[in-house]
Amino acid sequence: MEIIYRKLEELKKLEKPQMPDFLKEMIGDKPWNQKVYGKSSGRYVIYLDNEPVSLTDEQASSVKQYLKQADKYNEEAGAVRKGKEYYQEYLDRKKLQEQNKERLGEELSKLEEPEEPDFLKKLIDGRYWNGRVYGQKKGSYAIYLDREKVSLTDDQAADINEYQSAMEEYLQKKKELKEKFAGKSE
């Protein structure tokens, strides 16, 4: 009985997630799968009773934050329910994850992201570009922006290729660091 009492006390200490009021009103008694869909600004939805419901960026951010808090709470509550040793292991793992996250942040901040050439930013200006430079001979380089051919000077083509190589190297280093710290357990 004392063990149950201690577990209940530990559970009471955990911070319970608070569902945003607007979400409570939206959901009402409709089923929701606890997911937010969409990756670009202004295009977020949740499905209530299999019907899409649009969310503003601010609402989507609030719902995502709530879902993170709920996951954390459920994970911590599960650890408490499984027992003291398991809970201590859980806390140790979380502490290590936080340390690794800090170390990853420090290492990532040391990396210098290559800067896109100014002329390229001006050329693209919100148009679609597949990232490829076409042409193999001097004076014949081009890119396609929204399917429209845009000719490049040899120097511009060289600058773009240099930038892309540097960006590829940067992204590879970033990926390696994330893998390194994601797998650390000591």
C-alpha atoms as a PDB file:
ATOM      1  CA  MET A   1       0.000   0.000   0.000  1.00  0.00           C
ATOM      2  CA  GLU A   2       2.870   2.351   0.820  1.00  0.00           C
ATOM      3  CA  ILE A   3       4.364   1.773  -2.636  1.00  0.00           C
ATOM      4  CA  ILE A   4       1.107   2.752  -4.291  1.00  0.00           C
ATOM      5  CA  TYR A   5       0.888   5.871  -2.133  1.00  0.00           C
ATOM      6  CA  ARG A   6       4.461   6.873  -3.094  1.00  0.00           C
ATOM      7  CA  LYS A   7       3.729   6.348  -6.775  1.00  0.00           C
ATOM      8  CA  LEU A   8       0.589   8.468  -6.502  1.00  0.00           C
ATOM      9  CA  GLU A   9       2.610  11.218  -4.809  1.00  0.00           C
ATOM     10  CA  GLU A  10       5.226  11.059  -7.577  1.00  0.00           C
ATOM     11  CA  LEU A  11       2.494  11.230 -10.209  1.00  0.00           C
ATOM     12  CA  LYS A  12       0.980  14.306  -8.534  1.00  0.00           C
ATOM     13  CA  LYS A  13       4.373  16.052  -8.775  1.00  0.00           C
ATOM     14  CA  LEU A  14       4.463  15.654 -12.560  1.00  0.00           C
ATOM     15  CA  GLU A  15       3.383  18.656 -14.593  1.00  0.00           C
ATOM     16  CA  LYS A  16       0.183  17.786 -16.432  1.00  0.00           C
ATOM     17  CA  PRO A  17      -0.222  19.178 -19.947  1.00  0.00           C
ATOM     18  CA  GLN A  18      -2.916  21.808 -20.431  1.00  0.00           C
ATOM     19  CA  MET A  19      -4.942  21.540 -23.618  1.00  0.00           C
ATOM     20  CA  PRO A  20      -5.406  24.960 -25.250  1.00  0.00           C
ATOM     21  CA  ASP A  21      -8.946  26.311 -24.809  1.00  0.00           C
ATOM     22  CA  PHE A  22      -9.523  26.792 -28.535  1.00  0.00           C
ATOM     23  CA  LEU A  23      -8.655  23.122 -29.070  1.00  0.00           C
ATOM     24  CA  LYS A  24     -11.087  21.981 -26.373  1.00  0.00           C
ATOM     25  CA  GLU A  25     -13.826  23.970 -28.113  1.00  0.00           C
ATOM     26  CA  MET A  26     -12.919  22.599 -31.550  1.00  0.00           C
ATOM     27  CA  ILE A  27     -12.803  19.003 -30.400  1.00  0.00           C
ATOM     28  CA  GLY A  28     -15.885  18.902 -28.235  1.00  0.00           C
ATOM     29  CA  ASP A  29     -16.884  15.236 -28.297  1.00  0.00           C
ATOM     30  CA  LYS A  30     -15.369  14.452 -31.721  1.00  0.00           C
ATOM     31  CA  PRO A  31     -12.607  11.850 -32.038  1.00  0.00           C
ATOM     32  CA  TRP A  32      -9.100  13.227 -32.757  1.00  0.00           C
ATOM     33  CA  ASN A  33      -5.962  11.221 -33.523  1.00  0.00           C
ATOM     34  CA  GLN A  34      -3.692  13.687 -31.665  1.00  0.00           C
ATOM     35  CA  LYS A  35      -1.793  14.729 -34.809  1.00  0.00           C
ATOM     36  CA  VAL A  36      -1.205  18.015 -36.623  1.00  0.00           C
ATOM     37  CA  TYR A  37      -0.724  17.796 -40.383  1.00  0.00           C
ATOM     38  CA  GLY A  38       1.089  20.285 -42.594  1.00  0.00           C
ATOM     39  CA  LYS A  39       4.582  21.687 -42.790  1.00  0.00           C
ATOM     40  CA  SER A  40       4.222  25.086 -44.357  1.00  0.00           C
ATOM     41  CA  SER A  41       2.887  28.301 -42.986  1.00  0.00           C
ATOM     42  CA  GLY A  42      -0.890  28.639 -43.117  1.00  0.00           C
ATOM     43  CA  ARG A  43      -1.536  25.056 -44.168  1.00  0.00           C
ATOM     44  CA  TYR A  44      -2.024  23.189 -40.919  1.00  0.00           C
ATOM     45  CA  VAL A  45      -4.971  20.896 -40.235  1.00  0.00           C
ATOM     46  CA  ILE A  46      -6.204  18.419 -37.687  1.00  0.00           C
ATOM     47  CA  TYR A  47      -8.816  15.789 -38.395  1.00  0.00           C
ATOM     48  CA  LEU A  48     -11.847  15.710 -36.149  1.00  0.00           C
ATOM     49  CA  ASP A  49     -14.227  12.854 -36.849  1.00  0.00           C
ATOM     50  CA  ASN A  50     -12.326  12.333 -40.156  1.00  0.00           C
ATOM     51  CA  GLU A  51     -13.044  15.915 -41.274  1.00  0.00           C
ATOM     52  CA  PRO A  52     -10.162  18.386 -41.833  1.00  0.00           C
ATOM     53  CA  VAL A  53     -10.140  21.474 -39.616  1.00  0.00           C
ATOM     54  CA  SER A  54      -7.724  24.273 -40.546  1.00  0.00           C
ATOM     55  CA  LEU A  55      -5.439  25.829 -37.953  1.00  0.00           C
ATOM     56  CA  THR A  56      -3.611  29.130 -37.974  1.00  0.00           C
ATOM     57  CA  ASP A  57       0.158  29.007 -37.555  1.00  0.00           C
ATOM     58  CA  GLU A  58      -0.230  30.165 -33.956  1.00  0.00           C
ATOM     59  CA  GLN A  59      -2.840  27.509 -33.207  1.00  0.00           C
ATOM     60  CA  ALA A  60      -0.717  24.792 -34.817  1.00  0.00           C
ATOM     61  CA  SER A  61       2.247  25.864 -32.716  1.00  0.00           C
ATOM     62  CA  SER A  62       0.125  25.722 -29.533  1.00  0.00           C
ATOM     63  CA  VAL A  63      -1.231  22.278 -30.386  1.00  0.00           C
ATOM     64  CA  LYS A  64       2.254  20.928 -31.195  1.00  0.00           C
ATOM     65  CA  GLN A  65       3.553  22.283 -27.885  1.00  0.00           C
ATOM     66  CA  TYR A  66       0.639  20.664 -26.058  1.00  0.00           C
ATOM     67  CA  LEU A  67       1.317  17.319 -27.769  1.00  0.00           C
ATOM     68  CA  LYS A  68       5.002  17.474 -26.753  1.00  0.00           C
ATOM     69  CA  GLN A  69       4.004  18.166 -23.152  1.00  0.00           C
ATOM     70  CA  ALA A  70       1.488  15.300 -23.239  1.00  0.00           C
ATOM     71  CA  ASP A  71       4.125  12.889 -24.595  1.00  0.00           C
ATOM     72  CA  LYS A  72       6.565  13.957 -21.904  1.00  0.00           C
ATOM     73  CA  TYR A  73       3.943  13.535 -19.193  1.00  0.00           C
ATOM     74  CA  ASN A  74       2.925  10.098 -20.449  1.00  0.00           C
ATOM     75  CA  GLU A  75       6.536   8.973 -20.611  1.00  0.00           C
ATOM     76  CA  GLU A  76       7.298  10.223 -17.091  1.00  0.00           C
ATOM     77  CA  ALA A  77       4.073   8.792 -15.671  1.00  0.00           C
ATOM     78  CA  GLY A  78       4.848   5.431 -17.256  1.00  0.00           C
ATOM     79  CA  ALA A  79       8.297   5.459 -15.690  1.00  0.00           C
ATOM     80  CA  VAL A  80       6.847   6.249 -12.241  1.00  0.00           C
ATOM     81  CA  ARG A  81       4.314   3.448 -12.559  1.00  0.00           C
ATOM     82  CA  LYS A  82       7.034   0.916 -13.456  1.00  0.00           C
ATOM     83  CA  GLY A  83       8.973   1.563 -10.268  1.00  0.00           C
ATOM     84  CA  LYS A  84      11.721   3.534  -8.588  1.00  0.00           C
ATOM     85  CA  GLU A  85      14.671   1.868 -10.348  1.00  0.00           C
ATOM     86  CA  TYR A  86      13.092   2.252 -13.749  1.00  0.00           C
ATOM     87  CA  TYR A  87      12.203   5.874 -12.975  1.00  0.00           C
ATOM     88  CA  GLN A  88      15.794   6.606 -11.927  1.00  0.00           C
ATOM     89  CA  GLU A  89      17.073   5.033 -15.140  1.00  0.00           C
ATOM     90  CA  TYR A  90      14.579   7.158 -17.035  1.00  0.00           C
ATOM     91  CA  LEU A  91      15.800  10.328 -15.285  1.00  0.00           C
ATOM     92  CA  ASP A  92      19.426   9.379 -15.981  1.00  0.00           C
ATOM     93  CA  ARG A  93      18.631   8.799 -19.667  1.00  0.00           C
ATOM     94  CA  LYS A  94      16.832  12.133 -19.882  1.00  0.00           C
ATOM     95  CA  LYS A  95      19.764  13.928 -18.241  1.00  0.00           C
ATOM     96  CA  LEU A  96      22.181  12.303 -20.682  1.00  0.00           C
ATOM     97  CA  GLN A  97      19.942  13.230 -23.614  1.00  0.00           C
ATOM     98  CA  GLU A  98      19.888  16.845 -22.452  1.00  0.00           C
ATOM     99  CA  GLN A  99      23.683  16.883 -22.088  1.00  0.00           C
ATOM    100  CA  ASN A 100      24.078  15.408 -25.559  1.00  0.00           C
ATOM    101  CA  LYS A 101      21.618  17.948 -26.919  1.00  0.00           C
ATOM    102  CA  GLU A 102      23.679  20.778 -25.388  1.00  0.00           C
ATOM    103  CA  ARG A 103      26.918  19.330 -26.744  1.00  0.00           C
ATOM    104  CA  LEU A 104      25.332  18.915 -30.155  1.00  0.00           C
ATOM    105  CA  GLY A 105      24.200  22.548 -30.051  1.00  0.00           C
ATOM    106  CA  GLU A 106      27.727  23.659 -29.171  1.00  0.00           C
ATOM    107  CA  GLU A 107      29.236  21.621 -32.000  1.00  0.00           C
ATOM    108  CA  LEU A 108      26.626  22.801 -34.507  1.00  0.00           C
ATOM    109  CA  SER A 109      27.243  26.425 -33.559  1.00  0.00           C
ATOM    110  CA  LYS A 110      30.906  25.942 -34.530  1.00  0.00           C
ATOM    111  CA  LEU A 111      29.880  24.977 -38.066  1.00  0.00           C
ATOM    112  CA  GLU A 112      29.625  27.843 -40.484  1.00  0.00           C
ATOM    113  CA  GLU A 113      26.729  27.594 -42.917  1.00  0.00           C
ATOM    114  CA  PRO A 114      27.760  28.656 -46.412  1.00  0.00           C
ATOM    115  CA  GLU A 115      26.128  31.838 -47.596  1.00  0.00           C
ATOM    116  CA  GLU A 116      24.088  31.757 -50.759  1.00  0.00           C
ATOM    117  CA  PRO A 117      25.518  34.120 -53.397  1.00  0.00           C
ATOM    118  CA  ASP A 118      23.628  37.426 -53.444  1.00  0.00           C
ATOM    119  CA  PHE A 119      23.020  37.308 -57.190  1.00  0.00           C
ATOM    120  CA  LEU A 120      21.375  33.889 -56.781  1.00  0.00           C
ATOM    121  CA  LYS A 121      19.023  35.149 -54.070  1.00  0.00           C
ATOM    122  CA  LYS A 122      17.995  38.012 -56.356  1.00  0.00           C
ATOM    123  CA  LEU A 123      17.562  35.706 -59.349  1.00  0.00           C
ATOM    124  CA  ILE A 124      15.430  33.162 -57.505  1.00  0.00           C
ATOM    125  CA  ASP A 125      13.304  35.715 -55.633  1.00  0.00           C
ATOM    126  CA  GLY A 126      10.611  33.265 -54.547  1.00  0.00           C
ATOM    127  CA  ARG A 127      10.529  31.275 -57.771  1.00  0.00           C
ATOM    128  CA  TYR A 128      10.977  27.500 -57.931  1.00  0.00           C
ATOM    129  CA  TRP A 129      14.457  26.202 -58.735  1.00  0.00           C
ATOM    130  CA  ASN A 130      15.397  22.527 -58.723  1.00  0.00           C
ATOM    131  CA  GLY A 131      18.970  23.303 -57.654  1.00  0.00           C
ATOM    132  CA  ARG A 132      20.630  22.252 -60.896  1.00  0.00           C
ATOM    133  CA  VAL A 133      22.963  24.209 -63.128  1.00  0.00           C
ATOM    134  CA  TYR A 134      22.739  23.152 -66.772  1.00  0.00           C
ATOM    135  CA  GLY A 135      25.490  23.418 -69.380  1.00  0.00           C
ATOM    136  CA  GLN A 136      28.939  21.966 -69.805  1.00  0.00           C
ATOM    137  CA  LYS A 137      30.735  24.493 -72.002  1.00  0.00           C
ATOM    138  CA  LYS A 138      31.829  28.002 -71.188  1.00  0.00           C
ATOM    139  CA  GLY A 139      29.155  30.527 -71.962  1.00  0.00           C
ATOM    140  CA  SER A 140      26.346  27.953 -72.028  1.00  0.00           C
ATOM    141  CA  TYR A 141      25.343  27.747 -68.359  1.00  0.00           C
ATOM    142  CA  ALA A 142      21.741  28.208 -67.268  1.00  0.00           C
ATOM    143  CA  ILE A 143      19.242  27.481 -64.527  1.00  0.00           C
ATOM    144  CA  TYR A 144      15.478  27.137 -64.815  1.00  0.00           C
ATOM    145  CA  LEU A 145      13.272  29.227 -62.545  1.00  0.00           C
ATOM    146  CA  ASP A 146       9.581  28.342 -62.711  1.00  0.00           C
ATOM    147  CA  ARG A 147      10.456  26.473 -65.949  1.00  0.00           C
ATOM    148  CA  GLU A 148      11.899  29.636 -67.486  1.00  0.00           C
ATOM    149  CA  LYS A 149      15.507  29.449 -68.707  1.00  0.00           C
ATOM    150  CA  VAL A 150      17.854  31.971 -67.091  1.00  0.00           C
ATOM    151  CA  SER A 151      21.341  32.242 -68.584  1.00  0.00           C
ATOM    152  CA  LEU A 152      24.361  32.496 -66.293  1.00  0.00           C
ATOM    153  CA  THR A 153      27.853  33.822 -66.754  1.00  0.00           C
ATOM    154  CA  ASP A 154      30.705  31.368 -66.277  1.00  0.00           C
ATOM    155  CA  ASP A 155      31.594  33.070 -62.981  1.00  0.00           C
ATOM    156  CA  GLN A 156      28.009  32.815 -61.725  1.00  0.00           C
ATOM    157  CA  ALA A 157      27.864  29.117 -62.589  1.00  0.00           C
ATOM    158  CA  ALA A 158      31.192  28.557 -60.810  1.00  0.00           C
ATOM    159  CA  ASP A 159      29.948  30.475 -57.737  1.00  0.00           C
ATOM    160  CA  ILE A 160      26.746  28.414 -57.602  1.00  0.00           C
ATOM    161  CA  ASN A 161      28.665  25.137 -57.938  1.00  0.00           C
ATOM    162  CA  GLU A 162      31.096  26.222 -55.224  1.00  0.00           C
ATOM    163  CA  TYR A 163      28.205  27.208 -52.938  1.00  0.00           C
ATOM    164  CA  GLN A 164      26.412  23.911 -53.543  1.00  0.00           C
ATOM    165  CA  SER A 165      29.557  21.910 -52.789  1.00  0.00           C
ATOM    166  CA  ALA A 166      30.127  23.870 -49.590  1.00  0.00           C
ATOM    167  CA  MET A 167      26.465  23.420 -48.582  1.00  0.00           C
ATOM    168  CA  GLU A 168      26.623  19.680 -49.268  1.00  0.00           C
ATOM    169  CA  GLU A 169      29.734  19.422 -47.074  1.00  0.00           C
ATOM    170  CA  TYR A 170      28.072  21.509 -44.352  1.00  0.00           C
ATOM    171  CA  LEU A 171      24.924  19.354 -44.366  1.00  0.00           C
ATOM    172  CA  GLN A 172      27.012  16.175 -44.247  1.00  0.00           C
ATOM    173  CA  LYS A 173      28.974  17.432 -41.211  1.00  0.00           C
ATOM    174  CA  LYS A 174      25.708  18.443 -39.542  1.00  0.00           C
ATOM    175  CA  LYS A 175      24.236  14.991 -40.194  1.00  0.00           C
ATOM    176  CA  GLU A 176      27.348  13.261 -38.817  1.00  0.00           C
ATOM    177  CA  LEU A 177      27.229  15.354 -35.641  1.00  0.00           C
ATOM    178  CA  LYS A 178      23.550  14.569 -35.108  1.00  0.00           C
ATOM    179  CA  GLU A 179      24.213  10.860 -35.572  1.00  0.00           C
ATOM    180  CA  LYS A 180      27.210  11.027 -33.237  1.00  0.00           C
ATOM    181  CA  PHE A 181      25.281  12.642 -30.400  1.00  0.00           C
ATOM    182  CA  ALA A 182      22.051  10.726 -30.992  1.00  0.00           C
ATOM    183  CA  GLY A 183      23.877   7.461 -30.385  1.00  0.00           C
ATOM    184  CA  LYS A 184      25.850   8.548 -27.298  1.00  0.00           C
ATOM    185  CA  SER A 185      24.921   6.753 -24.125  1.00  0.00           C
ATOM    186  CA  GLU A 186      27.841   7.419 -21.813  1.00  0.00           C
END
